[in-house]
Amino acid sequence: MKAEAPRLLESAYPEFIRITTRFGDMDFNGHLNNVAFAQFFEDARVSFNRKLIFDNDIHPSARDYRVLVASVEIAYVREGYYGPDVTVGIGVKRIGRSSFELGAAVFQDGHCLAVHDSTIVYKGVAEGMPARARTALESKMLILPVA
């Protein structure tokens, strides 16, 4: 995965979540470590999905389908530090029949530190993802320049 230039800009993302860095997020060199980045992206992904799709959905145990993370990629761009909060921008990259891709980036003090892509799959839904989920996702597409 390569961090494409438009993805390094906060203006590319329709949604944001602010996360307070913790002392335990640092590595031996005093930088935010790779596990911390994975957690930042997970927090943003879960918050985004809950707010957009699942808060109004029926309880998972009552559904006849499951929603699974199929893949996760992270590209590190620059070092981050304990102290200042980070902001994670997130949006939808692509919507398929029964899956969608999210794109996200961590920012600190106006600089992009890392970008993230993930694929989310609806499993057990013969007709594809529910129309309500598709409509919600379409409203939160990444804001990227047209090539």
C-alpha atoms as a PDB file:
ATOM      1  CA  MET A   1       0.000   0.000   0.000  1.00  0.00           C
ATOM      2  CA  LYS A   2       1.314   3.404  -0.949  1.00  0.00           C
ATOM      3  CA  ALA A   3       0.212   6.610   0.761  1.00  0.00           C
ATOM      4  CA  GLU A   4      -1.194   8.561  -2.207  1.00  0.00           C
ATOM      5  CA  ALA A   5      -0.802  12.358  -1.971  1.00  0.00           C
ATOM      6  CA  PRO A   6      -4.544  13.204  -1.761  1.00  0.00           C
ATOM      7  CA  ARG A   7      -4.929  10.781   1.152  1.00  0.00           C
ATOM      8  CA  LEU A   8      -2.393  12.811   3.171  1.00  0.00           C
ATOM      9  CA  LEU A   9      -4.792  15.768   3.390  1.00  0.00           C
ATOM     10  CA  GLU A  10      -7.423  16.193   6.089  1.00  0.00           C
ATOM     11  CA  SER A  11      -9.774  17.595   3.446  1.00  0.00           C
ATOM     12  CA  ALA A  12     -10.066  14.086   1.906  1.00  0.00           C
ATOM     13  CA  TYR A  13     -12.044  12.731   4.876  1.00  0.00           C
ATOM     14  CA  PRO A  14     -15.727  13.345   5.636  1.00  0.00           C
ATOM     15  CA  GLU A  15     -15.626  12.134   9.266  1.00  0.00           C
ATOM     16  CA  PHE A  16     -13.157  12.596  12.141  1.00  0.00           C
ATOM     17  CA  ILE A  17     -12.526  11.159  15.571  1.00  0.00           C
ATOM     18  CA  ARG A  18     -10.158  12.744  18.107  1.00  0.00           C
ATOM     19  CA  ILE A  19      -8.019  10.393  20.198  1.00  0.00           C
ATOM     20  CA  THR A  20      -5.868  11.280  23.202  1.00  0.00           C
ATOM     21  CA  THR A  21      -2.404   9.734  23.003  1.00  0.00           C
ATOM     22  CA  ARG A  22      -1.208   7.781  26.019  1.00  0.00           C
ATOM     23  CA  PHE A  23       2.253   7.372  27.520  1.00  0.00           C
ATOM     24  CA  GLY A  24       1.974   3.637  26.766  1.00  0.00           C
ATOM     25  CA  ASP A  25       1.573   4.420  23.044  1.00  0.00           C
ATOM     26  CA  MET A  26       5.289   5.251  22.799  1.00  0.00           C
ATOM     27  CA  ASP A  27       8.091   3.012  21.613  1.00  0.00           C
ATOM     28  CA  PHE A  28      11.676   2.939  22.895  1.00  0.00           C
ATOM     29  CA  ASN A  29      12.541   5.990  20.770  1.00  0.00           C
ATOM     30  CA  GLY A  30       9.694   8.096  22.166  1.00  0.00           C
ATOM     31  CA  HIS A  31       7.544   7.839  19.017  1.00  0.00           C
ATOM     32  CA  LEU A  32       3.989   6.564  18.747  1.00  0.00           C
ATOM     33  CA  ASN A  33       4.378   2.835  18.084  1.00  0.00           C
ATOM     34  CA  ASN A  34       2.799   0.681  15.381  1.00  0.00           C
ATOM     35  CA  VAL A  35       0.388  -0.967  17.839  1.00  0.00           C
ATOM     36  CA  ALA A  36      -0.914   2.477  18.826  1.00  0.00           C
ATOM     37  CA  PHE A  37      -1.599   3.287  15.167  1.00  0.00           C
ATOM     38  CA  ALA A  38      -3.494   0.014  14.745  1.00  0.00           C
ATOM     39  CA  GLN A  39      -5.610   0.939  17.788  1.00  0.00           C
ATOM     40  CA  PHE A  40      -6.244   4.479  16.508  1.00  0.00           C
ATOM     41  CA  PHE A  41      -7.497   3.070  13.208  1.00  0.00           C
ATOM     42  CA  GLU A  42      -9.565   0.401  14.947  1.00  0.00           C
ATOM     43  CA  ASP A  43     -11.208   3.012  17.196  1.00  0.00           C
ATOM     44  CA  ALA A  44     -12.053   5.173  14.171  1.00  0.00           C
ATOM     45  CA  ARG A  45     -13.330   2.217  12.118  1.00  0.00           C
ATOM     46  CA  VAL A  46     -15.574   0.953  14.931  1.00  0.00           C
ATOM     47  CA  SER A  47     -16.866   4.445  15.749  1.00  0.00           C
ATOM     48  CA  PHE A  48     -17.582   5.148  12.062  1.00  0.00           C
ATOM     49  CA  ASN A  49     -19.380   1.830  11.498  1.00  0.00           C
ATOM     50  CA  ARG A  50     -21.428   2.078  14.692  1.00  0.00           C
ATOM     51  CA  LYS A  51     -22.506   5.643  14.026  1.00  0.00           C
ATOM     52  CA  LEU A  52     -23.255   5.132  10.354  1.00  0.00           C
ATOM     53  CA  ILE A  53     -24.615   1.606  10.188  1.00  0.00           C
ATOM     54  CA  PHE A  54     -24.946  -0.360  13.399  1.00  0.00           C
ATOM     55  CA  ASP A  55     -26.496   2.007  15.953  1.00  0.00           C
ATOM     56  CA  ASN A  56     -29.838   1.664  14.169  1.00  0.00           C
ATOM     57  CA  ASP A  57     -29.319  -1.985  13.262  1.00  0.00           C
ATOM     58  CA  ILE A  58     -30.823  -4.938  15.083  1.00  0.00           C
ATOM     59  CA  HIS A  59     -28.683  -6.717  17.662  1.00  0.00           C
ATOM     60  CA  PRO A  60     -25.957  -8.908  16.050  1.00  0.00           C
ATOM     61  CA  SER A  61     -27.305 -12.095  17.637  1.00  0.00           C
ATOM     62  CA  ALA A  62     -30.707 -11.494  16.009  1.00  0.00           C
ATOM     63  CA  ARG A  63     -29.353 -10.914  12.487  1.00  0.00           C
ATOM     64  CA  ASP A  64     -29.040 -13.631   9.867  1.00  0.00           C
ATOM     65  CA  TYR A  65     -25.740 -12.134   8.650  1.00  0.00           C
ATOM     66  CA  ARG A  66     -22.402 -11.060  10.091  1.00  0.00           C
ATOM     67  CA  VAL A  67     -20.184  -8.066   9.368  1.00  0.00           C
ATOM     68  CA  LEU A  68     -16.484  -8.958   9.265  1.00  0.00           C
ATOM     69  CA  VAL A  69     -13.179  -7.166   8.734  1.00  0.00           C
ATOM     70  CA  ALA A  70     -11.601  -8.963   5.768  1.00  0.00           C
ATOM     71  CA  SER A  71      -8.356  -6.995   5.432  1.00  0.00           C
ATOM     72  CA  VAL A  72      -6.392  -4.188   7.037  1.00  0.00           C
ATOM     73  CA  GLU A  73      -3.401  -2.280   5.674  1.00  0.00           C
ATOM     74  CA  ILE A  74      -1.365   0.530   7.254  1.00  0.00           C
ATOM     75  CA  ALA A  75       1.303   2.684   5.607  1.00  0.00           C
ATOM     76  CA  TYR A  76       3.404   4.786   7.969  1.00  0.00           C
ATOM     77  CA  VAL A  77       4.238   8.272   6.694  1.00  0.00           C
ATOM     78  CA  ARG A  78       6.031  10.098   9.526  1.00  0.00           C
ATOM     79  CA  GLU A  79       6.699   9.868  13.253  1.00  0.00           C
ATOM     80  CA  GLY A  80       4.152  10.910  15.827  1.00  0.00           C
ATOM     81  CA  TYR A  81       4.691  11.756  19.485  1.00  0.00           C
ATOM     82  CA  TYR A  82       3.055  11.259  22.860  1.00  0.00           C
ATOM     83  CA  GLY A  83       1.364  14.411  24.127  1.00  0.00           C
ATOM     84  CA  PRO A  84      -0.657  16.025  21.390  1.00  0.00           C
ATOM     85  CA  ASP A  85      -3.953  14.346  20.494  1.00  0.00           C
ATOM     86  CA  VAL A  86      -4.307  12.686  17.119  1.00  0.00           C
ATOM     87  CA  THR A  87      -7.243  13.047  14.764  1.00  0.00           C
ATOM     88  CA  VAL A  88      -8.299  10.163  12.544  1.00  0.00           C
ATOM     89  CA  GLY A  89     -10.061  11.078   9.318  1.00  0.00           C
ATOM     90  CA  ILE A  90     -12.162   8.302   7.786  1.00  0.00           C
ATOM     91  CA  GLY A  91     -14.411   7.747   4.792  1.00  0.00           C
ATOM     92  CA  VAL A  92     -15.606   5.188   2.263  1.00  0.00           C
ATOM     93  CA  LYS A  93     -13.303   4.328  -0.663  1.00  0.00           C
ATOM     94  CA  ARG A  94     -15.479   1.837  -2.513  1.00  0.00           C
ATOM     95  CA  ILE A  95     -18.828   0.090  -2.146  1.00  0.00           C
ATOM     96  CA  GLY A  96     -19.344  -3.362  -3.630  1.00  0.00           C
ATOM     97  CA  ARG A  97     -22.266  -5.782  -3.653  1.00  0.00           C
ATOM     98  CA  SER A  98     -21.578  -7.249  -0.224  1.00  0.00           C
ATOM     99  CA  SER A  99     -18.494  -5.347   0.945  1.00  0.00           C
ATOM    100  CA  PHE A 100     -17.064  -1.867   1.294  1.00  0.00           C
ATOM    101  CA  GLU A 101     -13.601  -0.362   1.702  1.00  0.00           C
ATOM    102  CA  LEU A 102     -12.741   2.330   4.197  1.00  0.00           C
ATOM    103  CA  GLY A 103      -9.833   4.742   3.945  1.00  0.00           C
ATOM    104  CA  ALA A 104      -8.458   6.557   6.971  1.00  0.00           C
ATOM    105  CA  ALA A 105      -5.484   8.641   8.056  1.00  0.00           C
ATOM    106  CA  VAL A 106      -3.999   9.722  11.397  1.00  0.00           C
ATOM    107  CA  PHE A 107      -3.112  13.396  11.742  1.00  0.00           C
ATOM    108  CA  GLN A 108      -1.169  15.170  14.492  1.00  0.00           C
ATOM    109  CA  ASP A 109      -0.483  18.908  14.513  1.00  0.00           C
ATOM    110  CA  GLY A 110      -1.646  19.149  10.896  1.00  0.00           C
ATOM    111  CA  HIS A 111       0.665  16.399   9.598  1.00  0.00           C
ATOM    112  CA  CYS A 112      -0.382  12.999   8.263  1.00  0.00           C
ATOM    113  CA  LEU A 113       1.343  10.225  10.206  1.00  0.00           C
ATOM    114  CA  ALA A 114      -0.165   7.101   8.608  1.00  0.00           C
ATOM    115  CA  VAL A 115      -2.870   5.949   6.202  1.00  0.00           C
ATOM    116  CA  HIS A 116      -5.089   2.910   6.523  1.00  0.00           C
ATOM    117  CA  ASP A 117      -7.306   0.851   4.242  1.00  0.00           C
ATOM    118  CA  SER A 118      -9.717  -1.840   5.370  1.00  0.00           C
ATOM    119  CA  THR A 119     -12.279  -4.059   3.690  1.00  0.00           C
ATOM    120  CA  ILE A 120     -15.511  -4.854   5.508  1.00  0.00           C
ATOM    121  CA  VAL A 121     -17.681  -7.763   4.313  1.00  0.00           C
ATOM    122  CA  TYR A 122     -21.326  -8.666   4.908  1.00  0.00           C
ATOM    123  CA  LYS A 123     -21.381 -12.477   5.248  1.00  0.00           C
ATOM    124  CA  GLY A 124     -24.566 -14.501   4.919  1.00  0.00           C
ATOM    125  CA  VAL A 125     -26.494 -11.916   2.891  1.00  0.00           C
ATOM    126  CA  ALA A 126     -27.444 -13.506  -0.444  1.00  0.00           C
ATOM    127  CA  GLU A 127     -28.825 -10.277  -1.897  1.00  0.00           C
ATOM    128  CA  GLY A 128     -25.775  -8.192  -0.881  1.00  0.00           C
ATOM    129  CA  MET A 129     -25.527  -5.560   1.788  1.00  0.00           C
ATOM    130  CA  PRO A 130     -28.743  -4.026   3.129  1.00  0.00           C
ATOM    131  CA  ALA A 131     -29.959  -0.997   1.135  1.00  0.00           C
ATOM    132  CA  ARG A 132     -29.987   1.176   4.278  1.00  0.00           C
ATOM    133  CA  ALA A 133     -26.288   0.449   4.864  1.00  0.00           C
ATOM    134  CA  ARG A 134     -25.451   1.205   1.225  1.00  0.00           C
ATOM    135  CA  THR A 135     -27.253   4.562   1.375  1.00  0.00           C
ATOM    136  CA  ALA A 136     -25.470   5.531   4.601  1.00  0.00           C
ATOM    137  CA  LEU A 137     -22.071   4.565   3.159  1.00  0.00           C
ATOM    138  CA  GLU A 138     -22.683   6.519  -0.056  1.00  0.00           C
ATOM    139  CA  SER A 139     -23.087   9.674   2.041  1.00  0.00           C
ATOM    140  CA  LYS A 140     -19.548   9.338   3.475  1.00  0.00           C
ATOM    141  CA  MET A 141     -17.330   8.782   0.443  1.00  0.00           C
ATOM    142  CA  LEU A 142     -13.723  10.026   0.532  1.00  0.00           C
ATOM    143  CA  ILE A 143     -13.333  13.455  -1.038  1.00  0.00           C
ATOM    144  CA  LEU A 144     -10.554  12.854  -3.577  1.00  0.00           C
ATOM    145  CA  PRO A 145      -9.723  14.772  -6.746  1.00  0.00           C
ATOM    146  CA  VAL A 146     -10.843  13.149  -9.982  1.00  0.00           C
ATOM    147  CA  ALA A 147      -7.865  11.934 -12.026  1.00  0.00           C
END
